[in-house]
Amino acid sequence: MNIPLEDGYTDVLAKAQRGLGMADGRLTETSGITAAELVAARSGNATPEILRALAKPLGLDATALIRLAEKNYAPSVTEPAGFEMFNTPWEDFTVNSYLVWDAATREAIVFDTGADATALLHTIVSNSLRVRLILLTHSHIDHIFELDRVIEKTKALAFTPAAEPVDGATGFPPGRSFSCGSLQVETLATGGHSIGGTTFVVTGLAVPIAIVGDAIFAGSMGGAAGSWKLALTNNREKILALPPETILCPGHGPITSVALELTNNPFFPAQ
């Protein structure tokens, strides 16, 4: 599925500056660029030199930021059998949901519902799948908009992080595990973008996959107005600490992998 990146380099700059609470004057002072150059960078006209100057005070990886600005990053990941991604429009952007199943038992798990579950439900029927679980990464409306419909059609049990109650779903505490056929699902508390944001790490397919919600995107990450440090820490120490081959399935934009993000995500410079 050819899906563009959720964020461009200007989004990355804005999220980093907002997350750090850094005023423009402080940013120009610490980076050594002029106010006019900062305006140019925000309008999409940054030179590599300006981006290198901005990267350090914003805690960004300069090489990855420049690669993003030059539109040279498009993650390529081979999807395993028993996995399907759905990308549906919501207002002026799109949102993802996912379906994972055991090929032997045909038992399946839905992760988030997206804005329109029509294709998801069609895939369930056409593959003769029995959905046992609906697992929600967080409670933002674009991710749960079709929850009632998916519950009605599948009769599956729905679960949401306990810190983010959702009508029709049972709350679960951090660290809970789930199983479905031969699939095992471990949960990681990856709050920051939202208070109870959860990553689901699924094993039992050809490669491990992690449904990360809006914690991290290909080449970017979700905004976290009051919890920036927590979001960065959870992303680095939990999500990016997974095996490098782990496929990352974000709430927006294309799928990626731990290995790709360690090299190409500006928010996580090498330590």
Protein backbone atom coordinates (compact mmCIF):
# COMPACT_ATOMS: atom_id res chain seq x y z
CA MET A 1 0.00 0.00 0.00
CA ASN A 2 1.54 3.29 -1.14
CA ILE A 3 0.83 5.78 1.66
CA PRO A 4 2.71 9.08 1.99
CA LEU A 5 4.52 10.00 5.18
CA GLU A 6 2.31 11.52 7.84
CA ASP A 7 4.73 14.40 8.47
CA GLY A 8 7.16 16.45 6.44
CA TYR A 9 10.25 18.12 7.85
CA THR A 10 8.31 21.29 8.73
CA ASP A 11 5.98 19.21 10.92
CA VAL A 12 9.00 17.67 12.63
CA LEU A 13 10.47 21.11 13.36
CA ALA A 14 7.15 22.37 14.72
CA LYS A 15 6.57 19.33 16.93
CA ALA A 16 10.07 19.47 18.36
CA GLN A 17 9.94 23.19 19.10
CA ARG A 18 6.45 22.94 20.60
CA GLY A 19 7.37 19.88 22.65
CA LEU A 20 10.42 21.60 24.10
CA GLY A 21 8.49 24.80 24.72
CA MET A 22 11.24 26.76 22.96
CA ALA A 23 10.43 30.31 21.92
CA ASP A 24 11.53 31.56 18.50
CA GLY A 25 14.07 33.93 20.00
CA ARG A 26 15.71 31.14 21.97
CA LEU A 27 15.75 28.87 18.91
CA THR A 28 17.41 31.45 16.66
CA GLU A 29 19.91 32.29 19.42
CA THR A 30 20.93 28.68 20.09
CA SER A 31 20.97 27.65 16.43
CA GLY A 32 22.76 30.74 15.15
CA ILE A 33 20.28 31.37 12.34
CA THR A 34 18.33 34.57 11.70
CA ALA A 35 14.62 35.10 12.22
CA ALA A 36 14.23 35.31 8.44
CA GLU A 37 15.96 31.96 8.00
CA LEU A 38 13.63 30.41 10.58
CA VAL A 39 10.63 31.74 8.66
CA ALA A 40 12.08 30.30 5.44
CA ALA A 41 12.58 26.92 7.10
CA ARG A 42 8.98 26.85 8.28
CA SER A 43 7.73 27.71 4.80
CA GLY A 44 9.55 24.75 3.26
CA ASN A 45 12.61 26.61 2.01
CA ALA A 46 15.31 25.44 4.40
CA THR A 47 18.80 24.75 3.16
CA PRO A 48 20.78 21.79 4.55
CA GLU A 49 22.92 24.28 6.46
CA ILE A 50 19.88 25.79 8.19
CA LEU A 51 18.53 22.35 9.02
CA ARG A 52 21.86 21.30 10.53
CA ALA A 53 21.82 24.44 12.65
CA LEU A 54 18.27 23.81 13.86
CA ALA A 55 18.72 20.11 14.54
CA LYS A 56 21.02 20.37 17.57
CA PRO A 57 18.96 22.69 19.84
CA LEU A 58 15.80 20.78 18.88
CA GLY A 59 17.36 17.41 19.70
CA LEU A 60 17.00 16.12 16.14
CA ASP A 61 19.22 14.05 13.91
CA ALA A 62 20.45 16.43 11.19
CA THR A 63 21.09 13.78 8.54
CA ALA A 64 17.64 12.25 8.95
CA LEU A 65 16.03 15.71 8.97
CA ILE A 66 17.76 16.67 5.71
CA ARG A 67 16.78 13.35 4.15
CA LEU A 68 13.17 14.06 5.08
CA ALA A 69 13.37 17.58 3.65
CA GLU A 70 14.80 16.24 0.38
CA LYS A 71 11.97 13.68 0.24
CA ASN A 72 14.45 10.82 0.22
CA TYR A 73 12.75 8.69 2.84
CA ALA A 74 10.05 6.19 1.85
CA PRO A 75 10.05 3.11 4.09
CA SER A 76 9.78 -0.23 2.32
CA VAL A 77 8.57 -3.18 4.39
CA THR A 78 7.40 -6.64 3.32
CA GLU A 79 4.10 -7.45 5.01
CA PRO A 80 3.86 -10.95 6.48
CA ALA A 81 1.06 -13.39 5.68
CA GLY A 82 -1.83 -12.99 8.10
CA PHE A 83 -1.55 -9.21 8.21
CA GLU A 84 -3.61 -6.50 6.54
CA MET A 85 -3.51 -2.72 6.82
CA PHE A 86 -6.46 -0.39 6.15
CA ASN A 87 -6.08 3.33 5.47
CA THR A 88 -9.26 5.43 5.54
CA PRO A 89 -9.92 9.18 5.18
CA TRP A 90 -10.73 11.30 8.22
CA GLU A 91 -11.24 15.04 7.69
CA ASP A 92 -8.11 16.23 5.83
CA PHE A 93 -5.89 13.25 6.65
CA THR A 94 -6.09 9.47 6.85
CA VAL A 95 -6.03 6.98 9.69
CA ASN A 96 -4.94 3.35 9.87
CA SER A 97 -6.42 0.18 11.33
CA TYR A 98 -5.01 -3.33 11.21
CA LEU A 99 -6.13 -6.95 11.02
CA VAL A 100 -3.94 -9.87 12.10
CA TRP A 101 -4.89 -13.53 12.02
CA ASP A 102 -3.77 -17.10 12.64
CA ALA A 103 -3.74 -18.85 9.25
CA ALA A 104 -4.47 -22.24 10.81
CA THR A 105 -7.39 -21.39 13.09
CA ARG A 106 -8.64 -18.32 11.15
CA GLU A 107 -8.95 -16.47 14.46
CA ALA A 108 -8.23 -12.76 14.13
CA ILE A 109 -7.58 -9.54 16.00
CA VAL A 110 -8.60 -6.03 14.93
CA PHE A 111 -6.39 -3.15 16.06
CA ASP A 112 -8.24 0.19 16.05
CA THR A 113 -11.10 0.65 13.60
CA GLY A 114 -10.18 3.64 11.46
CA ALA A 115 -12.78 6.00 10.08
CA ASP A 116 -14.50 3.49 7.78
CA ALA A 117 -14.48 -0.24 8.53
CA THR A 118 -16.05 -1.33 5.23
CA ALA A 119 -12.87 -2.78 3.72
CA LEU A 120 -11.87 -4.30 7.06
CA LEU A 121 -15.19 -6.09 7.41
CA HIS A 122 -15.05 -7.27 3.79
CA THR A 123 -11.60 -8.77 4.35
CA ILE A 124 -12.84 -10.58 7.45
CA VAL A 125 -15.69 -12.17 5.51
CA SER A 126 -13.72 -12.94 2.33
CA ASN A 127 -10.99 -14.69 4.35
CA SER A 128 -13.45 -16.60 6.55
CA LEU A 129 -11.97 -15.06 9.69
CA ARG A 130 -13.41 -15.11 13.20
CA VAL A 131 -12.49 -11.93 15.04
CA ARG A 132 -11.93 -12.69 18.72
CA LEU A 133 -10.50 -9.38 19.92
CA ILE A 134 -10.64 -5.68 19.10
CA LEU A 135 -7.70 -3.88 20.72
CA LEU A 136 -7.51 -0.09 20.87
CA THR A 137 -4.23 1.79 21.04
CA HIS A 138 -5.90 4.91 22.43
CA SER A 139 -9.26 6.63 22.53
CA HIS A 140 -8.95 9.44 19.98
CA ILE A 141 -12.08 9.48 17.85
CA ASP A 142 -10.40 8.90 14.47
CA HIS A 143 -9.08 5.58 15.79
CA ILE A 144 -12.34 4.30 17.30
CA PHE A 145 -14.99 5.88 15.09
CA GLU A 146 -16.27 2.53 13.76
CA LEU A 147 -15.98 0.58 17.01
CA ASP A 148 -19.73 0.01 17.47
CA ARG A 149 -20.06 -1.23 13.91
CA VAL A 150 -17.11 -3.62 14.17
CA ILE A 151 -18.41 -5.01 17.48
CA GLU A 152 -21.87 -5.47 15.99
CA LYS A 153 -20.58 -7.29 12.90
CA THR A 154 -17.96 -9.47 14.59
CA LYS A 155 -19.38 -9.96 18.11
CA ALA A 156 -15.78 -9.69 19.32
CA LEU A 157 -14.69 -8.41 22.72
CA ALA A 158 -13.18 -4.93 22.65
CA PHE A 159 -10.46 -3.67 25.00
CA THR A 160 -9.09 -0.19 25.63
CA PRO A 161 -6.30 1.11 27.88
CA ALA A 162 -7.79 1.59 31.36
CA ALA A 163 -6.65 5.23 31.41
CA GLU A 164 -8.73 5.96 28.30
CA PRO A 165 -12.27 4.59 28.76
CA VAL A 166 -14.32 3.93 25.62
CA ASP A 167 -18.00 2.94 25.54
CA GLY A 168 -18.34 -0.72 24.57
CA ALA A 169 -14.75 -1.62 25.46
CA THR A 170 -13.30 -3.13 28.63
CA GLY A 171 -10.36 -1.31 30.21
CA PHE A 172 -7.10 -3.20 30.68
CA PRO A 173 -4.10 -2.32 32.85
CA PRO A 174 -0.57 -1.74 31.55
CA GLY A 175 1.29 -4.98 30.98
CA ARG A 176 -1.71 -7.15 30.19
CA SER A 177 -1.22 -9.82 27.53
CA PHE A 178 -3.70 -11.32 25.07
CA SER A 179 -3.73 -14.41 22.88
CA CYS A 180 -5.60 -15.46 19.77
CA GLY A 181 -4.88 -18.85 18.24
CA SER A 182 -1.10 -19.05 17.94
CA LEU A 183 -0.75 -15.27 18.18
CA GLN A 184 0.56 -13.72 21.38
CA VAL A 185 0.07 -10.03 22.15
CA GLU A 186 2.10 -8.17 24.75
CA THR A 187 1.27 -4.60 25.73
CA LEU A 188 3.67 -1.73 26.28
CA ALA A 189 2.59 1.47 28.01
CA THR A 190 3.72 4.11 25.52
CA GLY A 191 1.83 7.16 26.70
CA GLY A 192 2.84 10.65 25.71
CA HIS A 193 0.67 11.44 22.73
CA SER A 194 -2.23 10.31 24.91
CA ILE A 195 -2.30 9.41 28.57
CA GLY A 196 -2.91 5.68 28.11
CA GLY A 197 -1.38 5.17 24.68
CA THR A 198 -0.50 1.51 24.25
CA THR A 199 1.68 -0.44 21.83
CA PHE A 200 0.64 -4.02 21.03
CA VAL A 201 3.55 -6.33 20.19
CA VAL A 202 2.33 -9.34 18.23
CA THR A 203 4.34 -12.53 17.79
CA GLY A 204 3.32 -15.63 15.88
CA LEU A 205 3.61 -14.29 12.33
CA ALA A 206 6.77 -14.57 10.21
CA VAL A 207 8.14 -11.42 11.88
CA PRO A 208 7.07 -9.56 15.02
CA ILE A 209 4.82 -6.56 14.51
CA ALA A 210 4.03 -3.67 16.84
CA ILE A 211 0.86 -1.64 16.50
CA VAL A 212 2.02 1.68 17.93
CA GLY A 213 -0.95 4.01 17.49
CA ASP A 214 0.19 7.62 17.35
CA ALA A 215 3.30 7.12 19.48
CA ILE A 216 5.61 7.02 16.48
CA PHE A 217 5.26 7.47 12.72
CA ALA A 218 7.57 6.71 9.83
CA GLY A 219 10.04 9.59 10.02
CA SER A 220 8.20 11.34 12.85
CA MET A 221 6.11 10.85 15.98
CA GLY A 222 2.82 11.96 17.45
CA GLY A 223 2.52 15.30 19.14
CA ALA A 224 2.65 15.35 22.94
CA ALA A 225 1.99 18.87 24.13
CA GLY A 226 2.47 18.34 27.86
CA SER A 227 4.33 15.04 27.84
CA TRP A 228 7.13 15.50 25.33
CA LYS A 229 9.92 14.00 27.38
CA LEU A 230 7.76 11.01 28.32
CA ALA A 231 6.83 10.41 24.67
CA LEU A 232 10.46 10.53 23.55
CA THR A 233 11.54 8.21 26.35
CA ASN A 234 8.80 5.66 25.74
CA ASN A 235 9.44 5.64 22.01
CA ARG A 236 13.18 5.15 22.40
CA GLU A 237 13.26 2.80 25.38
CA LYS A 238 10.24 0.66 24.53
CA ILE A 239 9.32 0.79 20.84
CA LEU A 240 12.76 1.31 19.31
CA ALA A 241 14.26 -1.21 21.74
CA LEU A 242 12.26 -3.99 20.04
CA PRO A 243 14.13 -6.33 17.65
CA PRO A 244 15.24 -4.39 14.54
CA GLU A 245 13.13 -6.52 12.20
CA THR A 246 9.94 -5.63 14.08
CA ILE A 247 7.39 -4.02 11.76
CA LEU A 248 5.95 -0.81 13.21
CA CYS A 249 2.30 -0.14 12.39
CA PRO A 250 1.44 3.49 13.14
CA GLY A 251 -1.93 5.17 13.36
CA HIS A 252 -1.10 7.40 10.39
CA GLY A 253 1.24 7.13 7.42
CA PRO A 254 3.01 4.03 6.08
CA ILE A 255 4.25 1.04 8.03
CA THR A 256 7.94 0.96 8.83
CA SER A 257 10.35 -1.00 11.02
CA VAL A 258 12.49 -0.51 14.09
CA ALA A 259 15.66 -0.68 11.97
CA LEU A 260 14.38 1.92 9.51
CA GLU A 261 13.32 4.37 12.21
CA LEU A 262 16.59 4.08 14.11
CA THR A 263 18.29 5.32 10.94
CA ASN A 264 15.70 7.65 9.43
CA ASN A 265 13.63 9.20 12.21
CA PRO A 266 14.92 12.71 13.08
CA PHE A 267 13.53 12.52 16.62
CA PHE A 268 15.94 9.75 17.62
CA PRO A 269 19.55 10.71 16.96
CA ALA A 270 22.09 7.98 17.65
CA GLN A 271 23.26 8.01 21.25
